[in-house]
C-alpha atoms as a PDB file:
ATOM      1  CA  MET A   1      58.710 -90.773 172.520  1.00  0.00           C
ATOM      2  CA  THR A   2      60.665 -89.831 169.335  1.00  0.00           C
ATOM      3  CA  THR A   3      62.790 -86.925 168.201  1.00  0.00           C
ATOM      4  CA  LEU A   4      61.182 -84.461 165.826  1.00  0.00           C
ATOM      5  CA  ILE A   5      63.177 -82.357 163.378  1.00  0.00           C
ATOM      6  CA  LEU A   6      61.015 -79.374 162.440  1.00  0.00           C
ATOM      7  CA  LEU A   7      62.101 -78.061 159.053  1.00  0.00           C
ATOM      8  CA  ARG A   8      60.909 -74.753 157.694  1.00  0.00           C
ATOM      9  CA  HIS A   9      60.700 -74.737 153.917  1.00  0.00           C
ATOM     10  CA  GLY A  10      63.508 -73.001 152.052  1.00  0.00           C
ATOM     11  CA  ARG A  11      63.218 -69.428 150.884  1.00  0.00           C
ATOM     12  CA  SER A  12      60.395 -68.941 148.411  1.00  0.00           C
ATOM     13  CA  ALA A  13      59.840 -66.356 145.717  1.00  0.00           C
ATOM     14  CA  ALA A  14      57.213 -64.794 148.004  1.00  0.00           C
ATOM     15  CA  ASN A  15      59.670 -64.590 150.923  1.00  0.00           C
ATOM     16  CA  ALA A  16      62.158 -62.815 148.696  1.00  0.00           C
ATOM     17  CA  THR A  17      59.636 -60.185 147.576  1.00  0.00           C
ATOM     18  CA  GLY A  18      57.964 -59.537 150.947  1.00  0.00           C
ATOM     19  CA  VAL A  19      54.625 -61.136 150.059  1.00  0.00           C
ATOM     20  CA  LEU A  20      52.496 -63.143 152.507  1.00  0.00           C
ATOM     21  CA  ALA A  21      52.009 -66.243 150.359  1.00  0.00           C
ATOM     22  CA  GLY A  22      49.819 -68.143 152.799  1.00  0.00           C
ATOM     23  CA  ARG A  23      48.002 -70.928 150.992  1.00  0.00           C
ATOM     24  CA  THR A  24      48.399 -69.434 147.511  1.00  0.00           C
ATOM     25  CA  PRO A  25      48.931 -72.433 145.207  1.00  0.00           C
ATOM     26  CA  GLY A  26      52.071 -72.800 143.116  1.00  0.00           C
ATOM     27  CA  VAL A  27      54.463 -70.753 145.275  1.00  0.00           C
ATOM     28  CA  GLU A  28      57.904 -72.245 144.619  1.00  0.00           C
ATOM     29  CA  LEU A  29      61.358 -72.019 146.113  1.00  0.00           C
ATOM     30  CA  ASP A  30      63.703 -69.447 144.649  1.00  0.00           C
ATOM     31  CA  ASP A  31      67.362 -70.207 143.856  1.00  0.00           C
ATOM     32  CA  THR A  32      68.375 -69.669 147.484  1.00  0.00           C
ATOM     33  CA  GLY A  33      65.611 -71.974 148.681  1.00  0.00           C
ATOM     34  CA  ARG A  34      66.608 -74.713 146.254  1.00  0.00           C
ATOM     35  CA  ALA A  35      70.204 -74.456 147.467  1.00  0.00           C
ATOM     36  CA  GLN A  36      68.983 -74.749 151.065  1.00  0.00           C
ATOM     37  CA  ALA A  37      67.024 -77.893 150.143  1.00  0.00           C
ATOM     38  CA  ASP A  38      70.040 -79.465 148.459  1.00  0.00           C
ATOM     39  CA  LYS A  39      72.231 -78.644 151.466  1.00  0.00           C
ATOM     40  CA  LEU A  40      69.959 -80.634 153.790  1.00  0.00           C
ATOM     41  CA  VAL A  41      71.299 -83.896 152.382  1.00  0.00           C
ATOM     42  CA  GLY A  42      74.778 -83.129 153.704  1.00  0.00           C
ATOM     43  CA  ARG A  43      73.619 -81.389 156.877  1.00  0.00           C
ATOM     44  CA  LEU A  44      71.669 -84.429 158.036  1.00  0.00           C
ATOM     45  CA  ALA A  45      74.073 -87.102 156.788  1.00  0.00           C
ATOM     46  CA  GLY A  46      74.256 -89.866 159.363  1.00  0.00           C
ATOM     47  CA  VAL A  47      71.016 -88.914 161.109  1.00  0.00           C
ATOM     48  CA  PRO A  48      68.587 -91.836 160.778  1.00  0.00           C
ATOM     49  CA  ILE A  49      65.209 -90.504 159.685  1.00  0.00           C
ATOM     50  CA  ALA A  50      62.370 -92.970 160.086  1.00  0.00           C
ATOM     51  CA  GLU A  51      59.686 -90.920 158.340  1.00  0.00           C
ATOM     52  CA  MET A  52      59.127 -87.571 156.663  1.00  0.00           C
ATOM     53  CA  VAL A  53      55.869 -85.636 157.078  1.00  0.00           C
ATOM     54  CA  CYS A  54      55.077 -82.621 154.921  1.00  0.00           C
ATOM     55  CA  SER A  55      52.693 -79.694 154.634  1.00  0.00           C
ATOM     56  CA  PRO A  56      50.699 -79.880 151.372  1.00  0.00           C
ATOM     57  CA  MET A  57      52.196 -76.583 150.172  1.00  0.00           C
ATOM     58  CA  LEU A  58      54.449 -76.945 147.091  1.00  0.00           C
ATOM     59  CA  ARG A  59      57.377 -75.092 148.672  1.00  0.00           C
ATOM     60  CA  CYS A  60      57.502 -77.683 151.463  1.00  0.00           C
ATOM     61  CA  ALA A  61      57.433 -80.614 149.052  1.00  0.00           C
ATOM     62  CA  GLN A  62      60.256 -78.999 147.061  1.00  0.00           C
ATOM     63  CA  THR A  63      62.313 -78.488 150.222  1.00  0.00           C
ATOM     64  CA  MET A  64      61.967 -82.121 151.273  1.00  0.00           C
ATOM     65  CA  ALA A  65      62.504 -83.604 147.810  1.00  0.00           C
ATOM     66  CA  PRO A  66      66.337 -83.892 147.692  1.00  0.00           C
ATOM     67  CA  LEU A  67      66.548 -85.469 151.163  1.00  0.00           C
ATOM     68  CA  ALA A  68      63.582 -87.765 150.444  1.00  0.00           C
ATOM     69  CA  VAL A  69      65.265 -89.029 147.271  1.00  0.00           C
ATOM     70  CA  ASP A  70      68.563 -89.511 149.114  1.00  0.00           C
ATOM     71  CA  ARG A  71      66.865 -91.543 151.871  1.00  0.00           C
ATOM     72  CA  GLY A  72      64.406 -93.377 149.644  1.00  0.00           C
ATOM     73  CA  LEU A  73      61.470 -92.067 151.662  1.00  0.00           C
ATOM     74  CA  ALA A  74      58.059 -90.892 150.468  1.00  0.00           C
ATOM     75  CA  PRO A  75      56.923 -87.909 152.573  1.00  0.00           C
ATOM     76  CA  VAL A  76      53.505 -88.267 154.182  1.00  0.00           C
ATOM     77  CA  GLU A  77      51.313 -85.256 153.376  1.00  0.00           C
ATOM     78  CA  GLU A  78      49.714 -83.762 156.489  1.00  0.00           C
ATOM     79  CA  PRO A  79      47.030 -81.086 155.928  1.00  0.00           C
ATOM     80  CA  GLU A  80      47.121 -80.071 159.606  1.00  0.00           C
ATOM     81  CA  LEU A  81      50.696 -78.808 159.125  1.00  0.00           C
ATOM     82  CA  ALA A  82      49.637 -76.520 156.265  1.00  0.00           C
ATOM     83  CA  GLU A  83      50.346 -72.803 156.305  1.00  0.00           C
ATOM     84  CA  VAL A  84      48.053 -70.511 158.282  1.00  0.00           C
ATOM     85  CA  ASP A  85      44.910 -69.592 156.376  1.00  0.00           C
ATOM     86  CA  TYR A  86      45.495 -65.852 156.282  1.00  0.00           C
ATOM     87  CA  GLY A  87      42.172 -65.176 154.566  1.00  0.00           C
ATOM     88  CA  SER A  88      42.044 -61.807 152.812  1.00  0.00           C
ATOM     89  CA  TRP A  89      45.624 -61.116 153.906  1.00  0.00           C
ATOM     90  CA  THR A  90      46.826 -63.855 151.552  1.00  0.00           C
ATOM     91  CA  GLY A  91      48.966 -62.440 148.762  1.00  0.00           C
ATOM     92  CA  GLY A  92      49.314 -59.055 150.465  1.00  0.00           C
ATOM     93  CA  GLU A  93      52.596 -57.188 150.719  1.00  0.00           C
ATOM     94  CA  LEU A  94      53.989 -57.101 154.250  1.00  0.00           C
ATOM     95  CA  LYS A  95      54.767 -53.395 153.940  1.00  0.00           C
ATOM     96  CA  THR A  96      51.032 -52.806 153.405  1.00  0.00           C
ATOM     97  CA  LEU A  97      49.734 -55.317 155.961  1.00  0.00           C
ATOM     98  CA  VAL A  98      51.831 -53.727 158.704  1.00  0.00           C
ATOM     99  CA  LYS A  99      49.475 -50.743 158.554  1.00  0.00           C
ATOM    100  CA  GLU A 100      46.400 -52.866 159.347  1.00  0.00           C
ATOM    101  CA  PRO A 101      45.009 -52.615 162.928  1.00  0.00           C
ATOM    102  CA  LEU A 102      45.109 -56.409 163.175  1.00  0.00           C
ATOM    103  CA  TRP A 103      48.891 -56.338 162.731  1.00  0.00           C
ATOM    104  CA  LYS A 104      49.329 -55.032 166.286  1.00  0.00           C
ATOM    105  CA  VAL A 105      47.128 -57.816 167.626  1.00  0.00           C
ATOM    106  CA  VAL A 106      49.177 -60.422 165.754  1.00  0.00           C
ATOM    107  CA  GLN A 107      52.325 -58.993 167.328  1.00  0.00           C
ATOM    108  CA  ALA A 108      51.172 -58.401 170.905  1.00  0.00           C
ATOM    109  CA  HIS A 109      48.245 -60.773 171.463  1.00  0.00           C
ATOM    110  CA  PRO A 110      48.405 -63.458 168.749  1.00  0.00           C
ATOM    111  CA  SER A 111      46.147 -65.869 170.637  1.00  0.00           C
ATOM    112  CA  ALA A 112      43.300 -63.428 169.923  1.00  0.00           C
ATOM    113  CA  ALA A 113      44.207 -62.870 166.259  1.00  0.00           C
ATOM    114  CA  VAL A 114      41.780 -64.205 163.660  1.00  0.00           C
ATOM    115  CA  PHE A 115      42.521 -63.319 160.057  1.00  0.00           C
ATOM    116  CA  PRO A 116      39.575 -61.879 158.085  1.00  0.00           C
ATOM    117  CA  GLY A 117      38.051 -64.710 156.110  1.00  0.00           C
ATOM    118  CA  GLY A 118      40.687 -67.084 157.469  1.00  0.00           C
ATOM    119  CA  GLU A 119      41.649 -68.866 160.681  1.00  0.00           C
ATOM    120  CA  GLY A 120      42.881 -67.785 164.081  1.00  0.00           C
ATOM    121  CA  LEU A 121      46.417 -68.401 165.280  1.00  0.00           C
ATOM    122  CA  ALA A 122      45.118 -70.265 168.336  1.00  0.00           C
ATOM    123  CA  ALA A 123      43.188 -72.650 166.080  1.00  0.00           C
ATOM    124  CA  MET A 124      46.293 -73.119 163.954  1.00  0.00           C
ATOM    125  CA  GLN A 125      48.367 -74.038 167.010  1.00  0.00           C
ATOM    126  CA  ALA A 126      45.759 -76.534 168.187  1.00  0.00           C
ATOM    127  CA  ARG A 127      45.610 -78.417 164.891  1.00  0.00           C
ATOM    128  CA  ALA A 128      49.406 -78.358 164.345  1.00  0.00           C
ATOM    129  CA  VAL A 129      50.278 -79.586 167.846  1.00  0.00           C
ATOM    130  CA  ALA A 130      47.625 -82.315 167.633  1.00  0.00           C
ATOM    131  CA  ALA A 131      49.102 -83.484 164.319  1.00  0.00           C
ATOM    132  CA  VAL A 132      52.642 -83.558 165.705  1.00  0.00           C
ATOM    133  CA  ARG A 133      51.576 -85.511 168.793  1.00  0.00           C
ATOM    134  CA  ARG A 134      49.590 -87.951 166.666  1.00  0.00           C
ATOM    135  CA  HIS A 135      52.486 -88.664 164.307  1.00  0.00           C
ATOM    136  CA  SER A 136      54.945 -88.882 167.201  1.00  0.00           C
ATOM    137  CA  ALA A 137      52.856 -91.571 168.906  1.00  0.00           C
ATOM    138  CA  ARG A 138      52.385 -93.459 165.645  1.00  0.00           C
ATOM    139  CA  ILE A 139      56.069 -93.361 164.740  1.00  0.00           C
ATOM    140  CA  ALA A 140      57.120 -94.423 168.244  1.00  0.00           C
ATOM    141  CA  GLU A 141      54.784 -97.396 167.947  1.00  0.00           C
ATOM    142  CA  GLN A 142      56.060 -98.365 164.494  1.00  0.00           C
ATOM    143  CA  HIS A 143      59.763 -97.493 164.761  1.00  0.00           C
ATOM    144  CA  GLY A 144      60.507 -97.416 168.488  1.00  0.00           C
ATOM    145  CA  PRO A 145      60.912 -94.608 171.053  1.00  0.00           C
ATOM    146  CA  ALA A 146      64.357 -93.623 169.749  1.00  0.00           C
ATOM    147  CA  ALA A 147      63.038 -92.905 166.250  1.00  0.00           C
ATOM    148  CA  VAL A 148      63.914 -89.614 164.560  1.00  0.00           C
ATOM    149  CA  TRP A 149      61.420 -88.102 162.143  1.00  0.00           C
ATOM    150  CA  MET A 150      61.066 -84.871 160.214  1.00  0.00           C
ATOM    151  CA  ALA A 151      58.164 -82.539 159.554  1.00  0.00           C
ATOM    152  CA  CYS A 152      58.387 -79.727 157.004  1.00  0.00           C
ATOM    153  CA  SER A 153      56.062 -76.795 157.613  1.00  0.00           C
ATOM    154  CA  HIS A 154      55.903 -73.002 157.822  1.00  0.00           C
ATOM    155  CA  GLY A 155      57.243 -70.252 160.039  1.00  0.00           C
ATOM    156  CA  ASP A 156      54.200 -69.460 162.174  1.00  0.00           C
ATOM    157  CA  VAL A 157      53.225 -73.126 162.397  1.00  0.00           C
ATOM    158  CA  ILE A 158      56.662 -74.204 163.610  1.00  0.00           C
ATOM    159  CA  LYS A 159      56.829 -71.314 166.069  1.00  0.00           C
ATOM    160  CA  ALA A 160      53.461 -72.384 167.478  1.00  0.00           C
ATOM    161  CA  VAL A 161      54.642 -75.990 167.893  1.00  0.00           C
ATOM    162  CA  LEU A 162      57.825 -74.798 169.597  1.00  0.00           C
ATOM    163  CA  ALA A 163      55.831 -72.531 171.928  1.00  0.00           C
ATOM    164  CA  ASP A 164      53.794 -75.554 172.992  1.00  0.00           C
ATOM    165  CA  ALA A 165      56.949 -77.615 173.536  1.00  0.00           C
ATOM    166  CA  LEU A 166      58.429 -74.795 175.607  1.00  0.00           C
ATOM    167  CA  ALA A 167      55.195 -74.557 177.633  1.00  0.00           C
ATOM    168  CA  THR A 168      54.982 -70.868 176.792  1.00  0.00           C
ATOM    169  CA  HIS A 169      51.747 -69.088 175.928  1.00  0.00           C
ATOM    170  CA  LEU A 170      51.026 -68.478 172.260  1.00  0.00           C
ATOM    171  CA  ASP A 171      51.170 -64.751 173.031  1.00  0.00           C
ATOM    172  CA  ASN A 172      54.947 -65.229 173.406  1.00  0.00           C
ATOM    173  CA  PHE A 173      55.512 -67.093 170.165  1.00  0.00           C
ATOM    174  CA  GLN A 174      56.652 -63.989 168.286  1.00  0.00           C
ATOM    175  CA  ARG A 175      59.815 -64.137 170.419  1.00  0.00           C
ATOM    176  CA  ILE A 176      60.822 -67.319 168.582  1.00  0.00           C
ATOM    177  CA  VAL A 177      62.766 -66.971 165.323  1.00  0.00           C
ATOM    178  CA  VAL A 178      62.437 -69.625 162.606  1.00  0.00           C
ATOM    179  CA  ASP A 179      64.184 -68.695 159.347  1.00  0.00           C
ATOM    180  CA  PRO A 180      63.620 -70.311 155.927  1.00  0.00           C
ATOM    181  CA  GLY A 181      65.633 -73.520 155.626  1.00  0.00           C
ATOM    182  CA  SER A 182      66.193 -73.801 159.388  1.00  0.00           C
ATOM    183  CA  ILE A 183      65.736 -76.849 161.555  1.00  0.00           C
ATOM    184  CA  SER A 184      64.484 -76.963 165.130  1.00  0.00           C
ATOM    185  CA  VAL A 185      64.534 -80.118 167.235  1.00  0.00           C
ATOM    186  CA  VAL A 186      62.162 -81.395 169.917  1.00  0.00           C
ATOM    187  CA  HIS A 187      62.618 -84.614 171.898  1.00  0.00           C
ATOM    188  CA  TYR A 188      59.196 -85.889 172.954  1.00  0.00           C
ATOM    189  CA  THR A 189      59.043 -88.034 176.101  1.00  0.00           C
ATOM    190  CA  GLU A 190      56.235 -89.626 178.074  1.00  0.00           C
ATOM    191  CA  THR A 191      55.559 -86.564 180.219  1.00  0.00           C
ATOM    192  CA  ARG A 192      57.140 -83.541 178.519  1.00  0.00           C
ATOM    193  CA  PRO A 193      59.112 -82.365 175.482  1.00  0.00           C
ATOM    194  CA  PHE A 194      62.703 -81.131 175.483  1.00  0.00           C
ATOM    195  CA  VAL A 195      63.598 -78.424 172.946  1.00  0.00           C
ATOM    196  CA  ALA A 196      67.120 -79.275 171.788  1.00  0.00           C
ATOM    197  CA  ARG A 197      67.673 -76.527 169.223  1.00  0.00           C
ATOM    198  CA  VAL A 198      65.867 -73.709 167.463  1.00  0.00           C
ATOM    199  CA  ASN A 199      66.497 -72.020 164.092  1.00  0.00           C
ATOM    200  CA  ASP A 200      69.614 -74.047 163.274  1.00  0.00           C
ATOM    201  CA  LEU A 201      70.937 -73.006 159.874  1.00  0.00           C
ATOM    202  CA  GLY A 202      73.926 -75.310 159.608  1.00  0.00           C
ATOM    203  CA  GLY A 203      75.295 -76.460 162.940  1.00  0.00           C
ATOM    204  CA  ASP A 204      76.634 -79.887 163.877  1.00  0.00           C
ATOM    205  CA  VAL A 205      73.780 -82.398 164.128  1.00  0.00           C
ATOM    206  CA  ALA A 206      75.763 -85.345 165.490  1.00  0.00           C
ATOM    207  CA  GLY A 207      73.830 -85.038 168.738  1.00  0.00           C
ATOM    208  CA  LEU A 208      70.689 -86.129 166.883  1.00  0.00           C
ATOM    209  CA  ILE A 209      72.132 -89.554 166.114  1.00  0.00           C
ATOM    210  CA  PRO A 210      70.801 -92.047 168.682  1.00  0.00           C
ATOM    211  CA  PRO A 211      73.477 -94.123 170.429  1.00  0.00           C
ATOM    212  CA  PRO A 212      73.689 -97.766 169.352  1.00  0.00           C
ATOM    213  CA  PRO A 213      71.614-100.051 171.556  1.00  0.00           C
ATOM    214  CA  LYS A 214      73.548-101.904 174.236  1.00  0.00           C
ATOM    215  CA  ARG A 215      74.041-105.615 173.802  1.00  0.00           C
ATOM    216  CA  ARG A 216      71.319-107.882 175.151  1.00  0.00           C
ATOM    217  CA  ARG A 217      68.813-105.036 174.903  1.00  0.00           C
ATOM    218  CA  ARG A 218      66.034-105.994 172.545  1.00  0.00           C
ATOM    219  CA  LYS A 219      64.389-102.584 172.408  1.00  0.00           C
ATOM    220  CA  ALA A 220      65.751 -99.073 172.749  1.00  0.00           C
ATOM    221  CA  ALA A 221      64.866 -97.631 176.133  1.00  0.00           C
ATOM    222  CA  PRO A 222      62.430 -94.699 176.033  1.00  0.00           C
ATOM    223  CA  ARG A 223      63.987 -91.294 176.516  1.00  0.00           C
ATOM    224  CA  SER A 224      63.860 -90.149 180.128  1.00  0.00           C
ATOM    225  CA  SER A 225      61.347 -87.454 181.035  1.00  0.00           C
ATOM    226  CA  ASP A 226      63.707 -86.114 183.730  1.00  0.00           C
ATOM    227  CA  ALA A 227      65.927 -83.085 183.197  1.00  0.00           C
ATOM    228  CA  VAL A 228      69.531 -83.228 184.400  1.00  0.00           C
ATOM    229  CA  VAL A 229      69.947 -81.222 187.591  1.00  0.00           C
ATOM    230  CA  GLY A 230      72.613 -78.580 187.000  1.00  0.00           C
ATOM    231  CA  GLY A 231      72.232 -78.807 183.225  1.00  0.00           C
ATOM    232  CA  ASP A 232      72.904 -81.424 180.585  1.00  0.00           C
ATOM    233  CA  THR A 233      76.331 -83.054 180.817  1.00  0.00           C
ATOM    234  CA  GLY A 234      76.906 -83.152 177.064  1.00  0.00           C
ATOM    235  CA  ALA A 235      77.475 -86.906 177.169  1.00  0.00           C
END
């Protein structure tokens, strides 16, 4: 039911200085982040992208901009893919926040973590996964089941979406690594997702290019929900 490329925004000035930016307005990419955004054009050359969906945070819009211009696409802003509302933690230095009692909860039992004056990680996962599923269904309807689309969001949000796709509890999502500028890929099918890659910072993406439809086939066949016994053949 579509292939989703999850893109984490490039490195921001806050990332570089160890600050939890959260929903602070005006946080921009630094030089490294801008280079990561520019590199996406070449990294994804040849991959047909039907639509681009973006968190409302500026750093996400900046990350998508070069690829959007190259493809002639206007990213759709999706508030449900926004950064976690970290409440009073927003703008804090990580070296200070690590001393807070809540830090241990975030690490060991994130499904129970609710940021003071902000939202809980479980609530964040629920709204992000619902948004991804909604867009996936819409894009499959409009562009066909073989459509590839991209969503640009944030580290914790992407990790939460990947945890759902992996059918692992949110309490395990800290085991997933999603670096700035990385892409992760999920194939959504009728009954379950397949996680194709995680935290890719520059690998070959030829496998994301759908095969040309066979002659006499009017519509692309939906991706199978079955896993290959013995492991994927690589074909």
